[in-house]
Amino acid sequence: MSSIEAQLGAVISLSQLGRYEIVKLALKWILVNQQNEDYRKLTQTELINRALNDVVMNVATAEKIEELRKKNEKKNKILNLS
């Protein structure tokens, strides 16, 4: 087992969410943060680790993801009007 798999197992065991819910939220978190400069600089491994940690630590919740998605949509609309 690789260290990433071990870390993922530890993260999942600490979370109250199911493992599929964690992965789903982490993927959505990555998608809404793809314009964020901090996320763009990360390697794929770092990006996955950060997103998983954000989900487990409640930095990335379904509500926060939806809020950020709406904010990004508004920002994109404004940029498209310019």
Protein backbone atom coordinates (compact mmCIF):
# COMPACT_ATOMS: atom_id res chain seq x y z
CA MET A 1 0.00 0.00 0.00
CA SER A 2 1.38 3.40 -0.95
CA SER A 3 1.66 6.30 1.45
CA ILE A 4 -1.17 8.09 -0.39
CA GLU A 5 -3.48 5.11 0.12
CA ALA A 6 -2.49 4.99 3.79
CA GLN A 7 -3.20 8.71 4.17
CA LEU A 8 -6.54 8.35 2.43
CA GLY A 9 -7.45 5.45 4.71
CA ALA A 10 -6.56 7.50 7.78
CA VAL A 11 -8.52 10.50 6.52
CA ILE A 12 -11.59 8.40 5.82
CA SER A 13 -11.46 6.65 9.19
CA LEU A 14 -11.41 10.01 10.98
CA SER A 15 -14.36 11.41 9.05
CA GLN A 16 -18.03 11.11 9.87
CA LEU A 17 -18.78 11.08 6.14
CA GLY A 18 -18.71 7.93 4.04
CA ARG A 19 -15.72 7.36 1.81
CA TYR A 20 -17.70 7.95 -1.40
CA GLU A 21 -19.13 11.20 -0.04
CA ILE A 22 -15.62 12.39 0.86
CA VAL A 23 -14.33 11.69 -2.64
CA LYS A 24 -17.38 13.32 -4.25
CA LEU A 25 -17.01 16.49 -2.16
CA ALA A 26 -13.24 16.60 -2.76
CA LEU A 27 -13.78 16.41 -6.52
CA LYS A 28 -16.36 19.20 -6.42
CA TRP A 29 -14.05 21.28 -4.21
CA ILE A 30 -11.23 20.90 -6.73
CA LEU A 31 -13.53 21.91 -9.59
CA VAL A 32 -14.77 25.09 -7.91
CA ASN A 33 -11.23 26.03 -6.90
CA GLN A 34 -9.60 25.46 -10.27
CA GLN A 35 -9.27 29.22 -10.80
CA ASN A 36 -7.71 29.71 -7.35
CA GLU A 37 -4.00 30.44 -7.77
CA ASP A 38 -3.12 28.39 -4.67
CA TYR A 39 -4.73 25.31 -6.19
CA ARG A 40 -3.32 25.84 -9.69
CA LYS A 41 0.25 25.60 -8.39
CA LEU A 42 -0.22 22.17 -6.76
CA THR A 43 0.76 18.84 -8.24
CA GLN A 44 -2.03 16.30 -8.70
CA THR A 45 -1.01 14.45 -5.56
CA GLU A 46 -0.85 17.65 -3.51
CA LEU A 47 -4.19 18.77 -4.94
CA ILE A 48 -5.91 15.52 -3.98
CA ASN A 49 -4.39 15.52 -0.50
CA ARG A 50 -5.37 19.13 0.10
CA ALA A 51 -8.92 18.64 -1.15
CA LEU A 52 -9.40 15.51 0.98
CA ASN A 53 -8.05 17.29 4.04
CA ASP A 54 -10.29 20.30 3.36
CA VAL A 55 -13.34 18.01 3.22
CA VAL A 56 -12.45 16.12 6.39
CA MET A 57 -11.64 19.33 8.28
CA ASN A 58 -14.96 20.90 7.18
CA VAL A 59 -13.24 23.61 5.16
CA ALA A 60 -15.05 22.19 2.12
CA THR A 61 -18.69 21.39 2.83
CA ALA A 62 -21.54 20.96 0.37
CA GLU A 63 -22.83 24.40 1.37
CA LYS A 64 -19.44 26.10 0.92
CA ILE A 65 -18.94 24.38 -2.42
CA GLU A 66 -22.32 25.60 -3.67
CA GLU A 67 -21.64 29.12 -2.37
CA LEU A 68 -18.29 29.23 -4.17
CA ARG A 69 -19.81 27.80 -7.35
CA LYS A 70 -22.42 30.60 -7.40
CA LYS A 71 -19.75 33.21 -6.70
CA ASN A 72 -17.66 31.86 -9.60
CA GLU A 73 -20.69 31.96 -11.92
CA LYS A 74 -21.33 35.61 -11.07
CA LYS A 75 -17.67 36.44 -11.59
CA ASN A 76 -17.65 34.68 -14.98
CA LYS A 77 -20.82 36.53 -16.04
CA ILE A 78 -19.24 39.87 -15.19
CA LEU A 79 -16.06 38.97 -17.09
CA ASN A 80 -18.09 37.89 -20.13
CA LEU A 81 -19.96 41.20 -20.17
CA SER A 82 -16.75 43.21 -20.31
